[in-house]
Amino acid sequence: MRVLILATAIGFAAAGASARADVSSSPPVQPVLSEVQQPSAPAQTTPGKEAASPGTSALAPNEPDRAKRLDALFAALKAAPSKESAKAIADRIEVALVPSDSDTADLLMSRAATATQAKDYDLAIALLDGVLTIAPNHLDAWNRRATVFYLKEDFVDSLADLRQVVAREPRHYGAWAGIALICKELGDEKHALEAARMALAVYPQLESMKDMEKELAIKVEGRPI
């Protein structure tokens, strides 16, 4: 399954849709989604995994114009009348969310992308740890590291990084879509449904989540009377 916005700038599962979780050996995912919806600072475990403070913005205080532009784009995305017009707006949102304003972070991101393509996932994670040490609010670094963890079938750390993304930008529909995908693969259909609906609340034309929401709604809530 392909989830928009985590494999490239923010597209999640296109490169790793074949990975599958062993549900019987995986820890429960229920706490993960509840923490995403009500962000709290997680315990630090490795360099680069800084805790996100509730309400922390991915934008620096001196970027009011960028914040206004994102607000306008997300409003337009929610109101887009067709999947084509929504996709065009989503492409602009992706670009707006990526800049780090750090040449060093950009270089590390480029090297991490090369390492990921070469399937050197440990190197990619180390490089992304470096980015997050320099720029702890770098959404794309959290997102890409989530992708690498996913490719390593480390679903717990992947979910933790996606939680960091939505703690900083609750409208990040790609991260919500990634959470929905992982929860579904782990067999946690209830929280997969909730995450899919969070993504659709921001991006109503997101086809992969529309299909997932319909499927899971029947399984979790039953057919409407």
C-alpha atoms as a PDB file:
ATOM      1  CA  MET A   1       0.000   0.000   0.000  1.00  0.00           C
ATOM      2  CA  ARG A   2       1.291   3.433  -0.797  1.00  0.00           C
ATOM      3  CA  VAL A   3       0.809   6.213   1.715  1.00  0.00           C
ATOM      4  CA  LEU A   4       1.239   9.741   0.405  1.00  0.00           C
ATOM      5  CA  ILE A   5       3.957  11.964   1.896  1.00  0.00           C
ATOM      6  CA  LEU A   6       6.653   9.792   3.468  1.00  0.00           C
ATOM      7  CA  ALA A   7       8.880   8.013   0.894  1.00  0.00           C
ATOM      8  CA  THR A   8      10.255  11.093  -0.866  1.00  0.00           C
ATOM      9  CA  ALA A   9       9.864  14.441   0.864  1.00  0.00           C
ATOM     10  CA  ILE A  10       7.054  13.000   2.934  1.00  0.00           C
ATOM     11  CA  GLY A  11       5.851   9.634   1.367  1.00  0.00           C
ATOM     12  CA  PHE A  12       5.754   6.703   3.781  1.00  0.00           C
ATOM     13  CA  ALA A  13       5.270   3.212   2.516  1.00  0.00           C
ATOM     14  CA  ALA A  14       5.962   3.146  -1.191  1.00  0.00           C
ATOM     15  CA  ALA A  15       9.417   1.633  -0.700  1.00  0.00           C
ATOM     16  CA  GLY A  16       8.508  -0.585   2.214  1.00  0.00           C
ATOM     17  CA  ALA A  17       5.006  -1.894   1.728  1.00  0.00           C
ATOM     18  CA  SER A  18       6.258  -5.471   1.805  1.00  0.00           C
ATOM     19  CA  ALA A  19       7.337  -5.238   5.458  1.00  0.00           C
ATOM     20  CA  ARG A  20       4.945  -6.992   7.819  1.00  0.00           C
ATOM     21  CA  ALA A  21       4.746  -7.075  11.590  1.00  0.00           C
ATOM     22  CA  ASP A  22       4.635 -10.200  13.736  1.00  0.00           C
ATOM     23  CA  VAL A  23       1.578  -9.233  15.766  1.00  0.00           C
ATOM     24  CA  SER A  24       2.096 -11.878  18.395  1.00  0.00           C
ATOM     25  CA  SER A  25       5.593 -10.608  19.258  1.00  0.00           C
ATOM     26  CA  SER A  26       4.957  -6.891  18.854  1.00  0.00           C
ATOM     27  CA  PRO A  27       4.214  -4.670  21.836  1.00  0.00           C
ATOM     28  CA  PRO A  28       0.750  -3.095  22.038  1.00  0.00           C
ATOM     29  CA  VAL A  29       0.239   0.042  19.957  1.00  0.00           C
ATOM     30  CA  GLN A  30      -2.687   1.516  21.858  1.00  0.00           C
ATOM     31  CA  PRO A  31      -0.571   3.876  23.997  1.00  0.00           C
ATOM     32  CA  VAL A  32       1.156   5.220  20.907  1.00  0.00           C
ATOM     33  CA  LEU A  33      -1.941   6.690  19.318  1.00  0.00           C
ATOM     34  CA  SER A  34      -3.267   8.144  22.550  1.00  0.00           C
ATOM     35  CA  GLU A  35       0.066   9.860  23.087  1.00  0.00           C
ATOM     36  CA  VAL A  36      -0.052  11.221  19.564  1.00  0.00           C
ATOM     37  CA  GLN A  37      -3.442  12.757  20.162  1.00  0.00           C
ATOM     38  CA  GLN A  38      -2.299  14.268  23.462  1.00  0.00           C
ATOM     39  CA  PRO A  39       1.446  14.845  22.992  1.00  0.00           C
ATOM     40  CA  SER A  40       3.707  14.425  25.989  1.00  0.00           C
ATOM     41  CA  ALA A  41       7.472  14.390  26.238  1.00  0.00           C
ATOM     42  CA  PRO A  42       8.758  10.849  25.759  1.00  0.00           C
ATOM     43  CA  ALA A  43      11.849   9.490  27.451  1.00  0.00           C
ATOM     44  CA  GLN A  44      15.000  10.102  25.445  1.00  0.00           C
ATOM     45  CA  THR A  45      16.611   6.883  24.280  1.00  0.00           C
ATOM     46  CA  THR A  46      19.141   7.728  21.571  1.00  0.00           C
ATOM     47  CA  PRO A  47      20.906  10.892  20.433  1.00  0.00           C
ATOM     48  CA  GLY A  48      18.630  12.978  18.261  1.00  0.00           C
ATOM     49  CA  LYS A  49      15.399  11.797  19.861  1.00  0.00           C
ATOM     50  CA  GLU A  50      14.635  15.018  21.660  1.00  0.00           C
ATOM     51  CA  ALA A  51      11.306  15.230  23.416  1.00  0.00           C
ATOM     52  CA  ALA A  52       8.644  17.368  21.825  1.00  0.00           C
ATOM     53  CA  SER A  53       7.002  19.830  24.127  1.00  0.00           C
ATOM     54  CA  PRO A  54       3.218  20.026  23.771  1.00  0.00           C
ATOM     55  CA  GLY A  55       2.291  22.646  21.235  1.00  0.00           C
ATOM     56  CA  THR A  56       5.846  23.001  19.921  1.00  0.00           C
ATOM     57  CA  SER A  57       5.721  24.453  16.430  1.00  0.00           C
ATOM     58  CA  ALA A  58       7.833  23.190  13.563  1.00  0.00           C
ATOM     59  CA  LEU A  59       8.244  26.809  12.535  1.00  0.00           C
ATOM     60  CA  ALA A  60      10.704  29.228  14.106  1.00  0.00           C
ATOM     61  CA  PRO A  61       9.179  32.279  15.830  1.00  0.00           C
ATOM     62  CA  ASN A  62      10.603  34.546  13.117  1.00  0.00           C
ATOM     63  CA  GLU A  63       8.653  32.833  10.339  1.00  0.00           C
ATOM     64  CA  PRO A  64       5.164  34.368  10.574  1.00  0.00           C
ATOM     65  CA  ASP A  65       4.830  34.613   6.787  1.00  0.00           C
ATOM     66  CA  ARG A  66       5.587  30.924   6.349  1.00  0.00           C
ATOM     67  CA  ALA A  67       3.125  30.059   9.102  1.00  0.00           C
ATOM     68  CA  LYS A  68       0.411  32.095   7.409  1.00  0.00           C
ATOM     69  CA  ARG A  69       1.204  30.480   4.070  1.00  0.00           C
ATOM     70  CA  LEU A  70       0.900  27.008   5.594  1.00  0.00           C
ATOM     71  CA  ASP A  71      -2.379  27.943   7.267  1.00  0.00           C
ATOM     72  CA  ALA A  72      -3.752  29.087   3.916  1.00  0.00           C
ATOM     73  CA  LEU A  73      -2.522  25.956   2.145  1.00  0.00           C
ATOM     74  CA  PHE A  74      -4.004  23.597   4.712  1.00  0.00           C
ATOM     75  CA  ALA A  75      -7.313  25.470   4.551  1.00  0.00           C
ATOM     76  CA  ALA A  76      -7.287  25.167   0.765  1.00  0.00           C
ATOM     77  CA  LEU A  77      -6.409  21.467   1.020  1.00  0.00           C
ATOM     78  CA  LYS A  78      -9.391  20.790   3.262  1.00  0.00           C
ATOM     79  CA  ALA A  79     -11.733  22.599   0.863  1.00  0.00           C
ATOM     80  CA  ALA A  80     -10.280  21.187  -2.382  1.00  0.00           C
ATOM     81  CA  PRO A  81     -13.160  19.897  -4.550  1.00  0.00           C
ATOM     82  CA  SER A  82     -11.226  17.162  -6.379  1.00  0.00           C
ATOM     83  CA  LYS A  83      -8.301  14.826  -5.824  1.00  0.00           C
ATOM     84  CA  GLU A  84      -6.372  16.586  -8.605  1.00  0.00           C
ATOM     85  CA  SER A  85      -6.692  20.026  -7.049  1.00  0.00           C
ATOM     86  CA  ALA A  86      -5.935  18.590  -3.609  1.00  0.00           C
ATOM     87  CA  LYS A  87      -2.794  16.888  -4.902  1.00  0.00           C
ATOM     88  CA  ALA A  88      -1.531  20.158  -6.342  1.00  0.00           C
ATOM     89  CA  ILE A  89      -2.013  21.856  -2.977  1.00  0.00           C
ATOM     90  CA  ALA A  90      -0.441  18.921  -1.135  1.00  0.00           C
ATOM     91  CA  ASP A  91       2.649  19.227  -3.330  1.00  0.00           C
ATOM     92  CA  ARG A  92       3.021  22.852  -2.229  1.00  0.00           C
ATOM     93  CA  ILE A  93       2.588  21.872   1.418  1.00  0.00           C
ATOM     94  CA  GLU A  94       5.341  19.282   1.093  1.00  0.00           C
ATOM     95  CA  VAL A  95       7.741  21.922  -0.199  1.00  0.00           C
ATOM     96  CA  ALA A  96       6.776  24.352   2.559  1.00  0.00           C
ATOM     97  CA  LEU A  97       7.370  21.772   5.290  1.00  0.00           C
ATOM     98  CA  VAL A  98      10.816  20.629   4.163  1.00  0.00           C
ATOM     99  CA  PRO A  99      13.198  23.635   4.551  1.00  0.00           C
ATOM    100  CA  SER A 100      15.573  23.442   7.533  1.00  0.00           C
ATOM    101  CA  ASP A 101      17.467  26.736   7.138  1.00  0.00           C
ATOM    102  CA  SER A 102      20.630  24.777   7.912  1.00  0.00           C
ATOM    103  CA  ASP A 103      23.187  23.863   5.267  1.00  0.00           C
ATOM    104  CA  THR A 104      24.627  21.193   7.550  1.00  0.00           C
ATOM    105  CA  ALA A 105      21.207  19.625   8.122  1.00  0.00           C
ATOM    106  CA  ASP A 106      20.504  19.699   4.389  1.00  0.00           C
ATOM    107  CA  LEU A 107      23.803  17.936   3.667  1.00  0.00           C
ATOM    108  CA  LEU A 108      23.093  15.252   6.272  1.00  0.00           C
ATOM    109  CA  MET A 109      19.586  14.802   4.865  1.00  0.00           C
ATOM    110  CA  SER A 110      21.020  14.282   1.376  1.00  0.00           C
ATOM    111  CA  ARG A 111      23.509  11.709   2.652  1.00  0.00           C
ATOM    112  CA  ALA A 112      20.771   9.964   4.643  1.00  0.00           C
ATOM    113  CA  ALA A 113      18.662   9.713   1.483  1.00  0.00           C
ATOM    114  CA  THR A 114      21.610   8.159  -0.376  1.00  0.00           C
ATOM    115  CA  ALA A 115      22.208   5.708   2.466  1.00  0.00           C
ATOM    116  CA  THR A 116      18.521   4.744   2.501  1.00  0.00           C
ATOM    117  CA  GLN A 117      18.544   4.101  -1.238  1.00  0.00           C
ATOM    118  CA  ALA A 118      21.593   1.883  -0.724  1.00  0.00           C
ATOM    119  CA  LYS A 119      19.708   0.072   2.082  1.00  0.00           C
ATOM    120  CA  ASP A 120      22.361   1.096   4.597  1.00  0.00           C
ATOM    121  CA  TYR A 121      19.677   1.802   7.158  1.00  0.00           C
ATOM    122  CA  ASP A 122      21.950   2.036  10.196  1.00  0.00           C
ATOM    123  CA  LEU A 123      24.003   4.754   8.510  1.00  0.00           C
ATOM    124  CA  ALA A 124      20.834   6.574   7.456  1.00  0.00           C
ATOM    125  CA  ILE A 125      19.566   6.543  11.040  1.00  0.00           C
ATOM    126  CA  ALA A 126      22.903   7.816  12.359  1.00  0.00           C
ATOM    127  CA  LEU A 127      22.845  10.680   9.849  1.00  0.00           C
ATOM    128  CA  LEU A 128      19.247  11.564  10.718  1.00  0.00           C
ATOM    129  CA  ASP A 129      20.158  11.478  14.412  1.00  0.00           C
ATOM    130  CA  GLY A 130      22.719  14.136  13.528  1.00  0.00           C
ATOM    131  CA  VAL A 131      20.105  16.263  11.787  1.00  0.00           C
ATOM    132  CA  LEU A 132      17.813  16.098  14.803  1.00  0.00           C
ATOM    133  CA  THR A 133      20.652  17.079  17.122  1.00  0.00           C
ATOM    134  CA  ILE A 134      21.180  20.210  15.036  1.00  0.00           C
ATOM    135  CA  ALA A 135      17.511  20.872  14.242  1.00  0.00           C
ATOM    136  CA  PRO A 136      15.173  19.049  16.661  1.00  0.00           C
ATOM    137  CA  ASN A 137      12.075  20.467  14.968  1.00  0.00           C
ATOM    138  CA  HIS A 138      13.080  19.256  11.492  1.00  0.00           C
ATOM    139  CA  LEU A 139       9.842  17.537  10.431  1.00  0.00           C
ATOM    140  CA  ASP A 140      11.319  15.846   7.394  1.00  0.00           C
ATOM    141  CA  ALA A 141      14.127  14.314   9.460  1.00  0.00           C
ATOM    142  CA  TRP A 142      11.642  12.815  11.951  1.00  0.00           C
ATOM    143  CA  ASN A 143       9.535  11.634   9.025  1.00  0.00           C
ATOM    144  CA  ARG A 144      12.407  10.102   7.081  1.00  0.00           C
ATOM    145  CA  ARG A 145      13.784   8.390  10.155  1.00  0.00           C
ATOM    146  CA  ALA A 146      10.325   6.917  10.707  1.00  0.00           C
ATOM    147  CA  THR A 147      10.533   5.594   7.152  1.00  0.00           C
ATOM    148  CA  VAL A 148      13.932   4.012   7.770  1.00  0.00           C
ATOM    149  CA  PHE A 149      12.736   2.409  11.001  1.00  0.00           C
ATOM    150  CA  TYR A 150       9.748   1.084   9.066  1.00  0.00           C
ATOM    151  CA  LEU A 151      12.022  -0.423   6.426  1.00  0.00           C
ATOM    152  CA  LYS A 152      13.968  -2.095   9.252  1.00  0.00           C
ATOM    153  CA  GLU A 153      10.628  -3.414  10.554  1.00  0.00           C
ATOM    154  CA  ASP A 154      11.209  -1.465  13.769  1.00  0.00           C
ATOM    155  CA  PHE A 155       7.591  -0.402  14.065  1.00  0.00           C
ATOM    156  CA  VAL A 156       7.791   0.876  17.636  1.00  0.00           C
ATOM    157  CA  ASP A 157      10.515   3.433  16.819  1.00  0.00           C
ATOM    158  CA  SER A 158       8.786   4.298  13.546  1.00  0.00           C
ATOM    159  CA  LEU A 159       5.577   5.104  15.420  1.00  0.00           C
ATOM    160  CA  ALA A 160       7.519   7.084  18.022  1.00  0.00           C
ATOM    161  CA  ASP A 161       9.058   9.272  15.307  1.00  0.00           C
ATOM    162  CA  LEU A 162       5.696   9.784  13.616  1.00  0.00           C
ATOM    163  CA  ARG A 163       4.348  10.861  16.994  1.00  0.00           C
ATOM    164  CA  GLN A 164       7.096  13.484  17.102  1.00  0.00           C
ATOM    165  CA  VAL A 165       5.991  14.747  13.686  1.00  0.00           C
ATOM    166  CA  VAL A 166       2.344  15.253  14.634  1.00  0.00           C
ATOM    167  CA  ALA A 167       3.309  16.699  18.015  1.00  0.00           C
ATOM    168  CA  ARG A 168       5.064  19.478  16.107  1.00  0.00           C
ATOM    169  CA  GLU A 169       2.600  19.729  13.205  1.00  0.00           C
ATOM    170  CA  PRO A 170      -0.797  18.137  13.988  1.00  0.00           C
ATOM    171  CA  ARG A 171      -1.897  18.720  10.387  1.00  0.00           C
ATOM    172  CA  HIS A 172       0.828  16.470   8.993  1.00  0.00           C
ATOM    173  CA  TYR A 173      -1.512  14.082   7.210  1.00  0.00           C
ATOM    174  CA  GLY A 174       1.359  11.973   5.900  1.00  0.00           C
ATOM    175  CA  ALA A 175       2.436  11.115   9.437  1.00  0.00           C
ATOM    176  CA  TRP A 176      -1.148  10.277  10.413  1.00  0.00           C
ATOM    177  CA  ALA A 177      -1.374   8.084   7.312  1.00  0.00           C
ATOM    178  CA  GLY A 178       1.835   6.345   8.347  1.00  0.00           C
ATOM    179  CA  ILE A 179       0.480   5.744  11.840  1.00  0.00           C
ATOM    180  CA  ALA A 180      -2.704   4.318  10.322  1.00  0.00           C
ATOM    181  CA  LEU A 181      -0.719   1.987   8.074  1.00  0.00           C
ATOM    182  CA  ILE A 182       1.485   0.646  10.873  1.00  0.00           C
ATOM    183  CA  CYS A 183      -1.369   0.212  13.324  1.00  0.00           C
ATOM    184  CA  LYS A 184      -3.319  -1.695  10.670  1.00  0.00           C
ATOM    185  CA  GLU A 185      -0.354  -3.962   9.964  1.00  0.00           C
ATOM    186  CA  LEU A 186       0.060  -4.614  13.690  1.00  0.00           C
ATOM    187  CA  GLY A 187      -3.591  -5.613  13.896  1.00  0.00           C
ATOM    188  CA  ASP A 188      -4.678  -2.547  15.895  1.00  0.00           C
ATOM    189  CA  GLU A 189      -7.589  -1.694  13.633  1.00  0.00           C
ATOM    190  CA  LYS A 190      -9.296   0.637  16.104  1.00  0.00           C
ATOM    191  CA  HIS A 191      -6.339   3.020  16.278  1.00  0.00           C
ATOM    192  CA  ALA A 192      -5.611   2.602  12.585  1.00  0.00           C
ATOM    193  CA  LEU A 193      -9.139   3.864  11.938  1.00  0.00           C
ATOM    194  CA  GLU A 194      -8.655   6.812  14.267  1.00  0.00           C
ATOM    195  CA  ALA A 195      -5.377   7.779  12.593  1.00  0.00           C
ATOM    196  CA  ALA A 196      -6.897   7.438   9.112  1.00  0.00           C
ATOM    197  CA  ARG A 197      -9.672   9.807  10.162  1.00  0.00           C
ATOM    198  CA  MET A 198      -7.118  12.276  11.515  1.00  0.00           C
ATOM    199  CA  ALA A 199      -5.424  12.264   8.102  1.00  0.00           C
ATOM    200  CA  LEU A 200      -8.738  12.715   6.304  1.00  0.00           C
ATOM    201  CA  ALA A 201      -9.730  15.595   8.575  1.00  0.00           C
ATOM    202  CA  VAL A 202      -6.790  17.492   7.086  1.00  0.00           C
ATOM    203  CA  TYR A 203      -6.767  15.979   3.584  1.00  0.00           C
ATOM    204  CA  PRO A 204     -10.276  14.739   2.713  1.00  0.00           C
ATOM    205  CA  GLN A 205      -9.248  13.738  -0.829  1.00  0.00           C
ATOM    206  CA  LEU A 206      -6.450  11.383   0.292  1.00  0.00           C
ATOM    207  CA  GLU A 207      -7.530   8.257  -1.594  1.00  0.00           C
ATOM    208  CA  SER A 208      -5.451   5.697   0.326  1.00  0.00           C
ATOM    209  CA  MET A 209      -6.940   6.851   3.625  1.00  0.00           C
ATOM    210  CA  LYS A 210     -10.478   7.059   2.220  1.00  0.00           C
ATOM    211  CA  ASP A 211     -10.239   3.409   1.211  1.00  0.00           C
ATOM    212  CA  MET A 212      -8.718   2.394   4.537  1.00  0.00           C
ATOM    213  CA  GLU A 213     -11.317   4.328   6.527  1.00  0.00           C
ATOM    214  CA  LYS A 214     -14.176   2.602   4.702  1.00  0.00           C
ATOM    215  CA  GLU A 215     -12.650  -0.831   5.213  1.00  0.00           C
ATOM    216  CA  LEU A 216     -11.805  -0.325   8.878  1.00  0.00           C
ATOM    217  CA  ALA A 217     -15.067   1.421   9.765  1.00  0.00           C
ATOM    218  CA  ILE A 218     -16.955  -1.751   8.833  1.00  0.00           C
ATOM    219  CA  LYS A 219     -14.577  -3.978  10.781  1.00  0.00           C
ATOM    220  CA  VAL A 220     -14.397  -1.786  13.871  1.00  0.00           C
ATOM    221  CA  GLU A 221     -17.875  -0.245  14.017  1.00  0.00           C
ATOM    222  CA  GLY A 222     -19.936  -2.649  11.950  1.00  0.00           C
ATOM    223  CA  ARG A 223     -22.163  -1.935   8.987  1.00  0.00           C
ATOM    224  CA  PRO A 224     -24.567   0.995   9.376  1.00  0.00           C
ATOM    225  CA  ILE A 225     -28.181   0.034  10.016  1.00  0.00           C
END
